[in-house]
Protein backbone atom coordinates (compact mmCIF):
# COMPACT_ATOMS: atom_id res chain seq x y z
CA UNK A 1 136.84 163.83 110.82
CA UNK A 2 134.72 164.92 108.54
CA UNK A 3 131.06 166.07 109.82
CA UNK A 4 129.42 165.64 106.56
CA UNK A 5 128.74 162.36 104.65
CA UNK A 6 128.88 162.12 100.79
CA UNK A 7 125.47 161.08 98.86
CA UNK A 8 124.60 161.37 94.75
CA UNK A 9 121.33 161.91 93.66
CA UNK A 10 119.36 162.05 89.72
CA UNK A 11 118.64 165.81 88.38
CA UNK A 12 114.22 164.62 88.03
CA UNK A 13 115.29 167.29 84.92
CA UNK A 14 118.28 166.47 83.35
CA UNK A 15 118.89 162.76 84.71
CA UNK A 16 122.54 163.93 85.11
CA UNK A 17 124.13 162.93 88.59
CA UNK A 18 124.46 165.66 90.91
CA UNK A 19 126.86 165.36 94.79
CA UNK A 20 125.17 166.38 97.83
CA UNK A 21 127.35 166.66 101.20
CA UNK A 22 124.61 166.28 104.20
CA UNK A 23 125.58 167.28 107.50
CA UNK A 24 123.38 164.54 109.45
CA UNK A 25 122.81 166.99 112.46
CA UNK A 26 120.96 169.40 110.50
CA UNK A 27 119.69 168.21 107.06
CA UNK A 28 117.50 164.70 107.95
CA UNK A 29 114.08 165.27 107.21
CA UNK A 30 114.97 168.96 106.14
CA UNK A 31 113.33 170.51 102.81
CA UNK A 32 116.44 171.99 100.66
CA UNK A 33 117.06 173.60 97.44
CA UNK A 34 119.63 172.59 94.78
CA UNK A 35 120.49 174.40 91.47
CA UNK A 36 121.39 170.70 89.56
CA UNK A 37 125.24 170.82 88.77
CA UNK A 38 124.64 170.83 85.03
CA UNK A 39 121.00 171.94 84.03
CA UNK A 40 121.23 174.56 86.55
CA UNK A 41 117.97 174.06 87.34
CA UNK A 42 115.86 174.07 90.98
CA UNK A 43 115.83 170.93 93.05
CA UNK A 44 113.53 170.02 96.13
CA UNK A 45 115.66 168.03 97.82
CA UNK A 46 114.59 165.77 100.87
CA UNK A 47 117.31 163.16 102.70
CA UNK A 48 116.21 161.24 105.31
CA UNK A 49 117.61 158.62 107.16
CA UNK A 50 117.59 154.72 105.91
CA UNK A 51 117.74 151.64 108.47
CA UNK A 52 120.91 150.31 107.05
CA UNK A 53 123.04 154.00 108.32
CA UNK A 54 122.61 155.37 104.14
CA UNK A 55 120.07 158.11 103.19
CA UNK A 56 117.25 158.22 100.93
CA UNK A 57 117.02 161.17 99.22
CA UNK A 58 114.07 162.11 97.09
CA UNK A 59 114.62 165.27 94.24
CA UNK A 60 111.45 166.39 92.67
CA UNK A 61 111.08 169.42 90.12
CA UNK A 62 109.65 172.10 92.08
CA UNK A 63 106.46 171.94 90.13
CA UNK A 64 105.60 168.48 91.35
């Protein structure tokens, strides 16, 4: 059994799809900095749980 869940989000700089592994016990409601897998720009990421058992991912540039 995997302890992480897989999710995708779009980079706010280049709009490329990025993969994110989410540890449901430690990552929810925490702000993280992730580098885009394509353009390498720093992205502020916040992951929250939604009502359907999935995740909401808010990805912002560092200047927003």
